[in-house]
N, C-alpha and C. Protein backbone atom coordinates (compact mmCIF):
# COMPACT_ATOMS: atom_id res chain seq x y z
N UNK A 1 0.84 -1.17 0.00
CA UNK A 1 0.00 0.00 0.00
C UNK A 1 0.89 1.23 0.00
N UNK A 2 0.60 2.17 -0.84
CA UNK A 2 1.36 3.39 -0.89
C UNK A 2 0.45 4.60 -0.89
N UNK A 3 1.01 5.73 -0.62
CA UNK A 3 0.26 6.96 -0.69
C UNK A 3 1.22 8.08 -1.03
N UNK A 4 0.66 9.18 -1.46
CA UNK A 4 1.48 10.31 -1.88
C UNK A 4 1.54 11.36 -0.78
N UNK A 5 2.71 11.90 -0.58
CA UNK A 5 2.88 13.06 0.28
C UNK A 5 3.17 14.22 -0.65
N UNK A 6 2.32 15.23 -0.61
CA UNK A 6 2.46 16.34 -1.55
C UNK A 6 3.34 17.44 -0.99
N UNK A 7 4.15 17.99 -1.82
CA UNK A 7 4.84 19.24 -1.51
C UNK A 7 4.94 20.03 -2.79
N UNK A 8 5.29 21.27 -2.68
CA UNK A 8 5.28 22.15 -3.84
C UNK A 8 6.58 22.15 -4.62
N UNK A 9 7.59 21.45 -4.12
CA UNK A 9 8.90 21.56 -4.73
C UNK A 9 9.25 20.38 -5.64
N UNK A 10 9.13 19.19 -5.13
CA UNK A 10 9.51 18.01 -5.88
C UNK A 10 8.40 16.99 -5.74
N UNK A 11 8.05 16.32 -6.82
CA UNK A 11 7.05 15.27 -6.71
C UNK A 11 7.67 14.05 -6.05
N UNK A 12 7.08 13.60 -4.93
CA UNK A 12 7.61 12.40 -4.28
C UNK A 12 7.16 11.15 -5.02
N UNK A 13 7.82 10.05 -4.77
CA UNK A 13 7.35 8.78 -5.30
C UNK A 13 7.35 7.74 -4.20
N UNK A 14 6.52 6.73 -4.38
CA UNK A 14 6.34 5.70 -3.37
C UNK A 14 6.97 4.42 -3.87
N UNK A 15 7.76 3.76 -3.00
CA UNK A 15 8.39 2.51 -3.39
C UNK A 15 8.59 1.65 -2.16
N UNK A 16 8.07 0.45 -2.17
CA UNK A 16 8.28 -0.54 -1.11
C UNK A 16 7.96 -0.01 0.28
N UNK A 17 6.86 0.70 0.42
CA UNK A 17 6.46 1.18 1.73
C UNK A 17 7.21 2.40 2.22
N UNK A 18 8.02 3.01 1.38
CA UNK A 18 8.73 4.23 1.76
C UNK A 18 8.21 5.38 0.92
N UNK A 19 8.09 6.53 1.52
CA UNK A 19 7.72 7.72 0.78
C UNK A 19 8.98 8.58 0.69
N UNK A 20 9.43 8.81 -0.52
CA UNK A 20 10.65 9.61 -0.70
C UNK A 20 10.26 11.05 -0.99
N UNK A 21 10.65 11.97 -0.10
CA UNK A 21 10.40 13.39 -0.34
C UNK A 21 11.45 13.95 -1.29
N UNK A 22 12.67 13.59 -1.04
CA UNK A 22 13.78 13.94 -1.92
C UNK A 22 14.88 12.93 -1.64
N UNK A 23 16.00 13.10 -2.22
CA UNK A 23 17.07 12.11 -2.08
C UNK A 23 17.56 11.99 -0.64
N UNK A 24 17.56 13.09 0.11
CA UNK A 24 18.10 13.09 1.46
C UNK A 24 17.11 12.66 2.54
N UNK A 25 15.83 12.69 2.28
CA UNK A 25 14.85 12.46 3.35
C UNK A 25 13.86 11.38 2.94
N UNK A 26 13.80 10.30 3.70
CA UNK A 26 12.79 9.29 3.42
C UNK A 26 12.00 9.03 4.70
N UNK A 27 10.77 8.65 4.54
CA UNK A 27 9.88 8.39 5.66
C UNK A 27 9.37 6.97 5.54
N UNK A 28 9.48 6.20 6.60
CA UNK A 28 8.96 4.84 6.60
C UNK A 28 7.53 4.88 7.11
N UNK A 29 6.62 4.26 6.39
CA UNK A 29 5.20 4.32 6.72
C UNK A 29 4.94 3.81 8.13
N UNK A 30 5.66 2.82 8.60
CA UNK A 30 5.47 2.30 9.95
C UNK A 30 5.67 3.35 11.03
N UNK A 31 6.47 4.38 10.73
CA UNK A 31 6.69 5.45 11.70
C UNK A 31 5.40 6.20 12.00
N UNK A 32 4.50 6.31 11.02
CA UNK A 32 3.23 6.99 11.25
C UNK A 32 2.41 6.25 12.30
N UNK A 33 2.41 4.91 12.23
CA UNK A 33 1.69 4.12 13.23
C UNK A 33 2.30 4.30 14.61
N UNK A 34 3.63 4.30 14.69
CA UNK A 34 4.32 4.49 15.96
C UNK A 34 4.02 5.88 16.53
N UNK A 35 4.05 6.88 15.67
CA UNK A 35 3.73 8.25 16.10
C UNK A 35 2.31 8.31 16.67
N UNK A 36 1.37 7.68 15.99
CA UNK A 36 -0.03 7.71 16.43
C UNK A 36 -0.19 7.06 17.81
N UNK A 37 0.50 5.95 18.04
CA UNK A 37 0.42 5.28 19.35
C UNK A 37 0.99 6.17 20.45
N UNK A 38 2.11 6.79 20.18
CA UNK A 38 2.73 7.69 21.17
C UNK A 38 1.82 8.89 21.45
N UNK A 39 1.27 9.46 20.40
CA UNK A 39 0.39 10.61 20.54
C UNK A 39 -0.83 10.26 21.37
N UNK A 40 -1.44 9.11 21.10
CA UNK A 40 -2.64 8.71 21.85
C UNK A 40 -2.33 8.42 23.31
N UNK A 41 -1.13 7.93 23.61
CA UNK A 41 -0.80 7.65 25.01
C UNK A 41 -0.70 8.95 25.81
N UNK A 42 -0.29 10.03 25.19
CA UNK A 42 -0.15 11.31 25.90
C UNK A 42 -1.35 12.23 25.75
N UNK A 43 -2.04 12.16 24.62
CA UNK A 43 -3.12 13.11 24.35
C UNK A 43 -4.48 12.45 24.15
N UNK A 44 -4.54 11.13 24.26
CA UNK A 44 -5.81 10.42 24.15
C UNK A 44 -6.23 10.19 22.71
N UNK A 45 -7.13 9.22 22.54
CA UNK A 45 -7.72 9.00 21.22
C UNK A 45 -9.06 9.72 21.17
N UNK A 46 -9.75 9.64 20.05
CA UNK A 46 -10.98 10.42 19.88
C UNK A 46 -12.05 10.04 20.91
N UNK A 47 -12.16 8.77 21.26
CA UNK A 47 -13.15 8.36 22.27
C UNK A 47 -12.79 8.89 23.65
N UNK A 48 -11.50 8.85 23.99
CA UNK A 48 -11.07 9.32 25.30
C UNK A 48 -11.25 10.82 25.47
N UNK A 49 -10.95 11.58 24.45
CA UNK A 49 -11.05 13.04 24.61
C UNK A 49 -12.47 13.55 24.48
N UNK A 50 -13.39 12.71 23.98
CA UNK A 50 -14.79 13.11 23.91
C UNK A 50 -15.38 13.37 25.29
N UNK A 51 -14.79 12.80 26.33
CA UNK A 51 -15.29 12.99 27.69
C UNK A 51 -14.93 14.37 28.26
N UNK A 52 -14.04 15.07 27.60
CA UNK A 52 -13.60 16.38 28.08
C UNK A 52 -14.35 17.48 27.35
N UNK A 53 -14.70 18.52 28.10
CA UNK A 53 -15.33 19.67 27.47
C UNK A 53 -14.26 20.52 26.80
N UNK A 54 -14.66 21.13 25.72
CA UNK A 54 -13.73 22.00 25.01
C UNK A 54 -14.33 22.43 23.69
N UNK A 55 -13.89 23.57 23.22
CA UNK A 55 -14.43 24.10 21.98
C UNK A 55 -13.78 23.49 20.75
N UNK A 56 -12.57 22.95 20.93
CA UNK A 56 -11.90 22.32 19.79
C UNK A 56 -11.03 21.18 20.29
N UNK A 57 -10.57 20.35 19.39
CA UNK A 57 -9.87 19.11 19.75
C UNK A 57 -8.58 19.38 20.51
N UNK A 58 -7.87 20.44 20.18
CA UNK A 58 -6.62 20.76 20.88
C UNK A 58 -6.85 21.05 22.36
N UNK A 59 -7.95 21.71 22.67
CA UNK A 59 -8.29 21.99 24.06
C UNK A 59 -8.59 20.70 24.81
N UNK A 60 -9.31 19.79 24.18
CA UNK A 60 -9.63 18.50 24.80
C UNK A 60 -8.37 17.65 25.01
N UNK A 61 -7.47 17.68 24.03
CA UNK A 61 -6.23 16.93 24.16
C UNK A 61 -5.37 17.49 25.29
N UNK A 62 -5.36 18.80 25.44
CA UNK A 62 -4.61 19.42 26.54
C UNK A 62 -5.18 18.99 27.89
N UNK A 63 -6.49 18.92 27.99
CA UNK A 63 -7.12 18.49 29.24
C UNK A 63 -6.79 17.03 29.54
N UNK A 64 -6.74 16.19 28.52
CA UNK A 64 -6.37 14.79 28.72
C UNK A 64 -4.94 14.72 29.27
N UNK A 65 -4.02 15.44 28.65
CA UNK A 65 -2.61 15.44 29.08
C UNK A 65 -2.48 15.94 30.51
N UNK A 66 -3.20 17.01 30.82
CA UNK A 66 -3.10 17.62 32.15
C UNK A 66 -3.62 16.71 33.26
N UNK A 67 -4.52 15.78 32.95
CA UNK A 67 -5.06 14.92 33.99
C UNK A 67 -4.23 13.67 34.22
N UNK A 68 -3.20 13.44 33.41
CA UNK A 68 -2.33 12.29 33.62
C UNK A 68 -1.56 12.44 34.93
N UNK A 69 -1.44 11.36 35.67
CA UNK A 69 -0.74 11.37 36.95
C UNK A 69 0.73 10.98 36.74
N UNK A 70 1.57 11.24 37.74
CA UNK A 70 2.97 10.81 37.62
C UNK A 70 3.12 9.32 37.35
N UNK A 71 2.28 8.50 37.97
CA UNK A 71 2.35 7.04 37.74
C UNK A 71 1.96 6.70 36.31
N UNK A 72 0.99 7.40 35.75
CA UNK A 72 0.62 7.16 34.35
C UNK A 72 1.77 7.55 33.41
N UNK A 73 2.44 8.66 33.71
CA UNK A 73 3.61 9.03 32.91
C UNK A 73 4.70 7.97 33.04
N UNK A 74 4.83 7.40 34.22
CA UNK A 74 5.82 6.34 34.43
C UNK A 74 5.48 5.12 33.57
N UNK A 75 4.20 4.75 33.51
CA UNK A 75 3.77 3.64 32.66
C UNK A 75 4.05 3.93 31.19
N UNK A 76 3.77 5.15 30.75
CA UNK A 76 4.06 5.55 29.37
C UNK A 76 5.56 5.48 29.12
N UNK A 77 6.33 5.87 30.12
CA UNK A 77 7.79 5.84 30.02
C UNK A 77 8.31 4.43 29.81
N UNK A 78 7.67 3.46 30.44
CA UNK A 78 8.09 2.07 30.25
C UNK A 78 7.93 1.63 28.80
N UNK A 79 6.94 2.18 28.11
CA UNK A 79 6.72 1.84 26.70
C UNK A 79 7.59 2.66 25.75
N UNK A 80 7.71 3.96 26.02
CA UNK A 80 8.31 4.87 25.05
C UNK A 80 9.55 5.60 25.54
N UNK A 81 10.09 5.18 26.66
CA UNK A 81 11.37 5.71 27.16
C UNK A 81 11.38 7.24 27.31
N UNK A 82 10.44 7.76 28.06
CA UNK A 82 10.44 9.19 28.38
C UNK A 82 11.56 9.49 29.36
N UNK A 83 12.17 10.63 29.22
CA UNK A 83 13.18 11.08 30.18
C UNK A 83 12.63 12.17 31.09
N UNK A 84 11.82 13.05 30.52
CA UNK A 84 11.29 14.19 31.27
C UNK A 84 9.81 14.37 30.97
N UNK A 85 9.12 15.01 31.91
CA UNK A 85 7.71 15.37 31.72
C UNK A 85 7.61 16.88 31.89
N UNK A 86 7.00 17.55 30.93
CA UNK A 86 6.81 18.99 30.99
C UNK A 86 5.34 19.25 31.32
N UNK A 87 5.12 19.98 32.41
CA UNK A 87 3.77 20.27 32.88
C UNK A 87 3.63 21.78 33.04
N UNK A 88 2.50 22.32 32.61
CA UNK A 88 2.24 23.73 32.87
C UNK A 88 2.16 23.94 34.38
N UNK A 89 2.78 24.99 34.86
CA UNK A 89 2.88 25.23 36.30
C UNK A 89 1.52 25.21 37.00
N UNK A 90 0.52 25.80 36.38
CA UNK A 90 -0.79 25.87 37.03
C UNK A 90 -1.50 24.51 37.09
N UNK A 91 -1.00 23.50 36.39
CA UNK A 91 -1.62 22.17 36.40
C UNK A 91 -0.68 21.11 36.98
N UNK A 92 0.25 21.52 37.80
CA UNK A 92 1.28 20.59 38.29
C UNK A 92 0.99 20.04 39.69
N UNK A 93 -0.25 20.17 40.19
CA UNK A 93 -0.57 19.72 41.55
C UNK A 93 -0.25 18.25 41.77
N UNK A 94 -0.51 17.42 40.78
CA UNK A 94 -0.28 15.98 40.96
C UNK A 94 1.20 15.64 41.10
N UNK A 95 2.07 16.57 40.76
CA UNK A 95 3.52 16.36 40.89
C UNK A 95 4.09 17.06 42.13
N UNK A 96 3.24 17.48 43.04
CA UNK A 96 3.69 18.29 44.18
C UNK A 96 4.71 17.59 45.07
N UNK A 97 4.70 16.26 45.10
CA UNK A 97 5.66 15.55 45.95
C UNK A 97 7.02 15.33 45.27
N UNK A 98 7.16 15.81 44.04
CA UNK A 98 8.41 15.67 43.30
C UNK A 98 9.04 17.05 43.10
N UNK A 99 10.35 17.08 43.08
CA UNK A 99 11.06 18.34 42.87
C UNK A 99 11.31 18.52 41.37
N UNK A 100 10.87 19.65 40.81
CA UNK A 100 11.13 19.86 39.38
C UNK A 100 12.62 20.07 39.12
N UNK A 101 13.08 19.59 37.98
CA UNK A 101 14.47 19.80 37.58
C UNK A 101 14.66 21.19 36.98
N UNK A 102 13.55 21.76 36.48
CA UNK A 102 13.54 23.12 35.95
C UNK A 102 12.15 23.67 36.14
N UNK A 103 12.07 24.95 36.43
CA UNK A 103 10.76 25.60 36.47
C UNK A 103 10.90 27.08 36.18
N UNK A 104 9.87 27.62 35.59
CA UNK A 104 9.74 29.06 35.43
C UNK A 104 8.27 29.40 35.67
N UNK A 105 7.84 30.58 35.30
CA UNK A 105 6.46 30.95 35.59
C UNK A 105 5.44 30.23 34.72
N UNK A 106 5.87 29.54 33.68
CA UNK A 106 4.93 28.85 32.77
C UNK A 106 4.93 27.33 32.92
N UNK A 107 6.11 26.72 33.06
CA UNK A 107 6.19 25.25 33.07
C UNK A 107 7.10 24.74 34.18
N UNK A 108 6.89 23.47 34.50
CA UNK A 108 7.79 22.74 35.38
C UNK A 108 8.20 21.47 34.64
N UNK A 109 9.47 21.10 34.77
CA UNK A 109 9.97 19.91 34.09
C UNK A 109 10.46 18.94 35.16
N UNK A 110 9.93 17.71 35.09
CA UNK A 110 10.26 16.67 36.06
C UNK A 110 11.00 15.55 35.36
N UNK A 111 11.97 14.99 36.02
CA UNK A 111 12.71 13.84 35.49
C UNK A 111 11.93 12.58 35.84
N UNK A 112 11.68 11.75 34.85
CA UNK A 112 10.86 10.55 35.06
C UNK A 112 11.54 9.59 36.04
N UNK A 113 12.86 9.59 36.10
CA UNK A 113 13.56 8.72 37.05
C UNK A 113 13.26 9.08 38.50
N UNK A 114 12.97 10.36 38.77
CA UNK A 114 12.58 10.77 40.12
C UNK A 114 11.26 10.11 40.52
N UNK A 115 10.34 10.03 39.57
CA UNK A 115 9.06 9.36 39.82
C UNK A 115 9.30 7.87 40.03
N UNK A 116 10.16 7.30 39.20
CA UNK A 116 10.46 5.87 39.30
C UNK A 116 11.07 5.52 40.65
N UNK A 117 12.02 6.32 41.10
CA UNK A 117 12.68 6.07 42.39
C UNK A 117 11.70 6.17 43.55
N UNK A 118 10.84 7.17 43.52
CA UNK A 118 9.86 7.35 44.59
C UNK A 118 8.84 6.22 44.57
N UNK A 119 8.44 5.79 43.38
CA UNK A 119 7.46 4.70 43.24
C UNK A 119 8.04 3.40 43.78
N UNK A 120 9.31 3.16 43.60
CA UNK A 120 9.94 1.93 44.09
C UNK A 120 10.06 1.93 45.61
N UNK A 121 10.09 3.11 46.22
CA UNK A 121 10.20 3.20 47.68
C UNK A 121 8.87 2.90 48.36
N UNK A 122 7.79 3.03 47.63
CA UNK A 122 6.45 2.85 48.23
C UNK A 122 6.11 1.38 48.35
């Protein structure tokens, strides 16, 4: 199965499950499936985000991400090898028992290994 990726510069061609944009850049179709799985684990799928109120899909996806707990991020990390979690400061209550590795007035960044170490102590 092949499909076309359009751009305005060079016509791509499809061969053996690869989409060639140009000589230097190729995309493997399987990467799209992997991307979708990763995206759904952090931002939910269409059924999961339907439970959240919002005027548009991006707002619902943000609400899904914001409600994830440190343990859920740890589970996602086991699948996709996360190193850090970035949380908006105003939505970081669930991480209150962890010390951020970086913070400013907008975001806090937590190291997933800190969650792992604390979880193992419990």
